[in-house]
C-alpha cells in the first residue's frame, strides 16, 4: 500500500498501527528517484505501509520530522519512530531496521 502526500491527520492515523515507512522526497531529486523503486519493492513484498511525502507539497510534515536532506526515510512501528535514514538506502538496510 502506498499513500501520497497525506494530511497531518491522515499521516498520524496511518503511522499509528503496524510498520510504516515515510519517504520524504522531491521530484527534482536524483537520489530520490533512485530510492523510489526500492521503496516500491518494500511496499509490494512486505506488509510495511509506505507513505510518500513530497517535501515541496507537504513542508509541514517535513518540518515536523526535521527533514533537511532528501531522500529521508523515517520508519515507524505502532506510531513510534524506530529509525531514520538520510540519503539513498538499500532494501536490506530498511528490512534490517524493521526486523524483516
Protein backbone atom coordinates (compact mmCIF):
# COMPACT_ATOMS: atom_id res chain seq x y z
CA UNK A 1 0.00 0.00 0.00
CA UNK A 2 1.32 3.41 -0.95
CA UNK A 3 -0.18 6.74 0.08
CA UNK A 4 0.85 10.05 -1.49
CA UNK A 5 1.05 13.37 0.38
CA UNK A 6 -1.30 12.73 3.32
CA UNK A 7 -2.55 15.47 5.59
CA UNK A 8 -1.05 15.56 9.08
CA UNK A 9 -4.16 13.84 10.50
CA UNK A 10 -4.06 11.14 7.80
CA UNK A 11 -0.34 10.65 8.39
CA UNK A 12 -0.84 10.17 12.14
CA UNK A 13 -3.65 7.68 11.57
CA UNK A 14 -1.61 5.68 9.04
CA UNK A 15 1.55 5.51 11.16
CA UNK A 16 -0.31 4.77 14.40
CA UNK A 17 -0.52 0.99 13.84
CA UNK A 18 1.89 -1.51 12.35
CA UNK A 19 5.03 -0.86 10.37
CA UNK A 20 5.15 2.25 8.20
CA UNK A 21 7.88 3.82 6.12
CA UNK A 22 7.63 7.55 5.41
CA UNK A 23 9.60 8.51 2.30
CA UNK A 24 10.39 12.25 2.18
CA UNK A 25 11.30 13.10 -1.41
CA UNK A 26 11.01 15.64 -4.25
CA UNK A 27 10.57 15.20 -7.99
CA UNK A 28 13.74 17.15 -8.79
CA UNK A 29 15.95 14.99 -6.52
CA UNK A 30 18.09 12.41 -8.38
CA UNK A 31 18.79 10.20 -5.34
CA UNK A 32 15.05 10.28 -4.55
CA UNK A 33 14.30 8.86 -8.00
CA UNK A 34 16.86 6.12 -7.30
CA UNK A 35 15.23 5.42 -3.90
CA UNK A 36 11.71 5.11 -5.38
CA UNK A 37 11.99 1.56 -6.82
CA UNK A 38 13.49 0.33 -3.56
CA UNK A 39 10.57 1.77 -1.59
CA UNK A 40 8.09 0.35 -4.12
CA UNK A 41 9.65 -3.11 -3.78
CA UNK A 42 9.34 -2.90 0.01
CA UNK A 43 5.65 -1.98 -0.32
CA UNK A 44 4.93 -4.80 -2.77
CA UNK A 45 6.83 -7.58 -0.98
CA UNK A 46 6.15 -6.90 2.71
CA UNK A 47 3.33 -5.77 4.97
CA UNK A 48 5.03 -2.40 5.54
CA UNK A 49 2.82 0.58 4.70
CA UNK A 50 4.50 3.30 2.64
CA UNK A 51 3.74 6.99 2.81
CA UNK A 52 5.40 9.20 0.20
CA UNK A 53 5.72 12.84 1.18
CA UNK A 54 6.75 15.37 -1.44
CA UNK A 55 8.63 17.95 0.64
CA UNK A 56 7.64 20.68 -1.83
CA UNK A 57 3.93 19.99 -1.20
CA UNK A 58 3.91 18.86 2.46
CA UNK A 59 6.55 21.01 4.09
CA UNK A 60 4.71 20.88 7.44
CA UNK A 61 5.38 17.14 7.80
CA UNK A 62 8.96 17.62 6.64
CA UNK A 63 9.49 20.26 9.31
CA UNK A 64 7.84 18.07 11.98
CA UNK A 65 10.44 15.36 11.33
CA UNK A 66 13.35 17.79 10.84
CA UNK A 67 13.96 16.69 7.27
CA UNK A 68 16.76 18.84 5.90
CA UNK A 69 18.14 16.46 3.25
CA UNK A 70 16.37 14.13 0.87
CA UNK A 71 15.72 11.36 0.43
CA UNK A 72 14.96 10.79 4.09
CA UNK A 73 13.21 7.63 5.24
CA UNK A 74 11.52 7.55 8.64
CA UNK A 75 10.49 4.12 9.92
CA UNK A 76 7.61 3.76 12.38
CA UNK A 77 6.34 0.83 14.43
CA UNK A 78 2.98 1.45 16.08
CA UNK A 79 3.42 5.23 15.88
CA UNK A 80 6.97 5.30 17.26
CA UNK A 81 9.98 6.30 15.16
CA UNK A 82 12.40 3.35 15.18
CA UNK A 83 14.93 4.55 12.60
CA UNK A 84 15.71 7.44 10.30
CA UNK A 85 17.83 7.12 7.17
CA UNK A 86 19.20 10.10 5.25
CA UNK A 87 20.34 9.51 1.68
CA UNK A 88 19.97 6.53 -0.60
CA UNK A 89 19.17 3.46 1.50
CA UNK A 90 19.20 -0.18 0.38
CA UNK A 91 16.27 -2.54 0.75
CA UNK A 92 18.36 -4.75 3.06
CA UNK A 93 19.08 -1.81 5.39
CA UNK A 94 15.38 -0.95 5.60
CA UNK A 95 14.34 -4.56 6.21
CA UNK A 96 17.02 -4.98 8.88
CA UNK A 97 15.78 -1.88 10.72
CA UNK A 98 12.24 -3.30 10.67
CA UNK A 99 13.44 -6.76 11.70
CA UNK A 100 12.19 -8.33 8.48
